[in-house]
Amino acid sequence: MASHHVVTTQPLGSMAAPQRNDWQTGLMDCCSDCGVCICGTFCYPCLGCQVAGDMNECCLCGPSVAMRTLYRTRYNIPGSIMDDYFSVLCCPWCSLCQLKRDINRRKEQGTFW
């Protein structure tokens, strides 16, 4: 008679837990990329469209809480929707510029997807 083996746990193999990341620059770190800061200051809608385009989303979504939350969860950046909400509410320009700077840095590192 054949023996039946029941697998109760699945091996992980080489699959590791998602790595925790942080923002590449701070919320108020505009001097790290003056071009992004100037674009965000003088043409906020244009920068929002650039961010949305980078993430393959609708142009109107760029400066939104939803876009920031999507990006943060995609790259496993700690925070909450409430943090994203207050960042966008208190300083929408800084929030959008931080998002664009992070996208640019991840593109340079080859880790943007």
Protein backbone atom coordinates (compact mmCIF):
# COMPACT_ATOMS: atom_id res chain seq x y z
CA MET A 1 0.00 0.00 0.00
CA ALA A 2 1.33 3.45 -0.97
CA SER A 3 2.14 6.02 1.67
CA HIS A 4 0.54 9.47 1.33
CA HIS A 5 2.62 12.48 2.35
CA VAL A 6 0.89 15.74 3.12
CA VAL A 7 2.89 18.93 2.67
CA THR A 8 1.98 21.34 5.44
CA THR A 9 4.55 24.07 4.72
CA GLN A 10 6.00 25.30 1.47
CA PRO A 11 9.76 25.85 1.24
CA LEU A 12 10.81 29.42 0.52
CA GLY A 13 13.86 28.49 -1.48
CA SER A 14 15.84 31.56 -2.50
CA MET A 15 12.85 33.88 -2.17
CA ALA A 16 13.59 36.49 0.50
CA ALA A 17 11.24 38.78 2.36
CA PRO A 18 10.66 42.16 0.69
CA GLN A 19 13.39 44.60 1.62
CA ARG A 20 12.36 47.71 3.53
CA ASN A 21 13.40 50.90 1.76
CA ASP A 22 13.31 54.54 2.66
CA TRP A 23 12.73 57.64 0.58
CA GLN A 24 15.89 58.50 -1.37
CA THR A 25 15.62 62.14 -0.21
CA GLY A 26 13.76 63.96 2.53
CA LEU A 27 10.47 65.79 2.08
CA MET A 28 12.14 69.22 2.29
CA ASP A 29 15.35 68.23 0.48
CA CYS A 30 14.80 70.43 -2.58
CA CYS A 31 18.48 71.37 -2.92
CA SER A 32 19.37 67.78 -3.84
CA ASP A 33 17.77 68.31 -7.28
CA CYS A 34 17.11 71.96 -8.07
CA GLY A 35 15.68 71.15 -11.52
CA VAL A 36 12.86 69.11 -10.01
CA CYS A 37 12.27 71.77 -7.35
CA ILE A 38 12.05 74.57 -9.93
CA CYS A 39 9.72 72.52 -12.13
CA GLY A 40 7.51 71.72 -9.13
CA THR A 41 7.42 75.34 -8.03
CA PHE A 42 6.69 76.97 -11.38
CA CYS A 43 4.87 74.20 -13.23
CA TYR A 44 3.30 71.93 -10.63
CA PRO A 45 0.82 70.32 -13.10
CA CYS A 46 3.69 69.51 -15.50
CA LEU A 47 5.63 67.74 -12.76
CA GLY A 48 2.49 65.86 -11.74
CA CYS A 49 2.09 64.63 -15.31
CA GLN A 50 5.75 63.57 -15.41
CA VAL A 51 5.33 61.52 -12.23
CA ALA A 52 2.12 59.94 -13.50
CA GLY A 53 3.77 59.17 -16.83
CA ASP A 54 6.72 57.54 -15.08
CA MET A 55 4.29 55.29 -13.24
CA ASN A 56 2.03 54.61 -16.26
CA GLU A 57 -0.96 56.31 -14.63
CA CYS A 58 -3.42 59.01 -15.66
CA CYS A 59 -1.85 62.47 -15.83
CA LEU A 60 -4.27 63.85 -13.24
CA CYS A 61 -3.13 61.28 -10.65
CA GLY A 62 0.47 62.53 -10.29
CA PRO A 63 0.10 64.86 -7.32
CA SER A 64 -2.49 62.72 -5.49
CA VAL A 65 -2.38 60.86 -2.19
CA ALA A 66 -3.21 57.68 -4.10
CA MET A 67 -0.11 58.03 -6.31
CA ARG A 68 2.15 58.63 -3.33
CA THR A 69 0.64 55.63 -1.51
CA LEU A 70 0.96 53.42 -4.59
CA TYR A 71 4.61 54.37 -4.99
CA ARG A 72 5.38 53.94 -1.29
CA THR A 73 3.83 50.48 -1.14
CA ARG A 74 5.44 49.41 -4.43
CA TYR A 75 8.90 50.15 -3.04
CA ASN A 76 8.10 49.04 0.52
CA ILE A 77 8.74 52.50 1.97
CA PRO A 78 7.44 52.70 5.54
CA GLY A 79 4.51 54.98 6.24
CA SER A 80 0.75 55.10 6.09
CA ILE A 81 -2.00 56.59 4.00
CA MET A 82 -2.41 59.18 6.74
CA ASP A 83 1.27 60.16 6.40
CA ASP A 84 0.78 60.47 2.64
CA TYR A 85 -2.37 62.53 3.13
CA PHE A 86 -0.68 65.01 5.48
CA SER A 87 2.40 65.27 3.24
CA VAL A 88 0.22 66.16 0.25
CA LEU A 89 -2.07 68.42 2.30
CA CYS A 90 0.63 70.40 4.13
CA CYS A 91 3.12 70.80 1.31
CA PRO A 92 1.92 69.45 -2.03
CA TRP A 93 4.96 70.86 -3.88
CA CYS A 94 7.44 69.23 -1.51
CA SER A 95 5.54 65.94 -1.62
CA LEU A 96 5.45 65.83 -5.41
CA CYS A 97 9.10 66.89 -5.73
CA GLN A 98 10.15 64.18 -3.27
CA LEU A 99 8.28 61.60 -5.33
CA LYS A 100 9.92 62.74 -8.57
CA ARG A 101 13.39 62.85 -6.99
CA ASP A 102 12.89 59.31 -5.73
CA ILE A 103 11.80 58.12 -9.18
CA ASN A 104 14.85 59.77 -10.76
CA ARG A 105 17.24 58.21 -8.25
CA ARG A 106 15.72 54.75 -8.66
CA LYS A 107 16.04 55.10 -12.45
CA GLU A 108 19.73 55.99 -12.03
CA GLN A 109 20.22 52.95 -9.77
CA GLY A 110 18.32 50.69 -12.17
CA THR A 111 15.76 49.79 -9.51
CA PHE A 112 12.75 51.66 -10.91
CA TRP A 113 10.00 49.46 -12.37
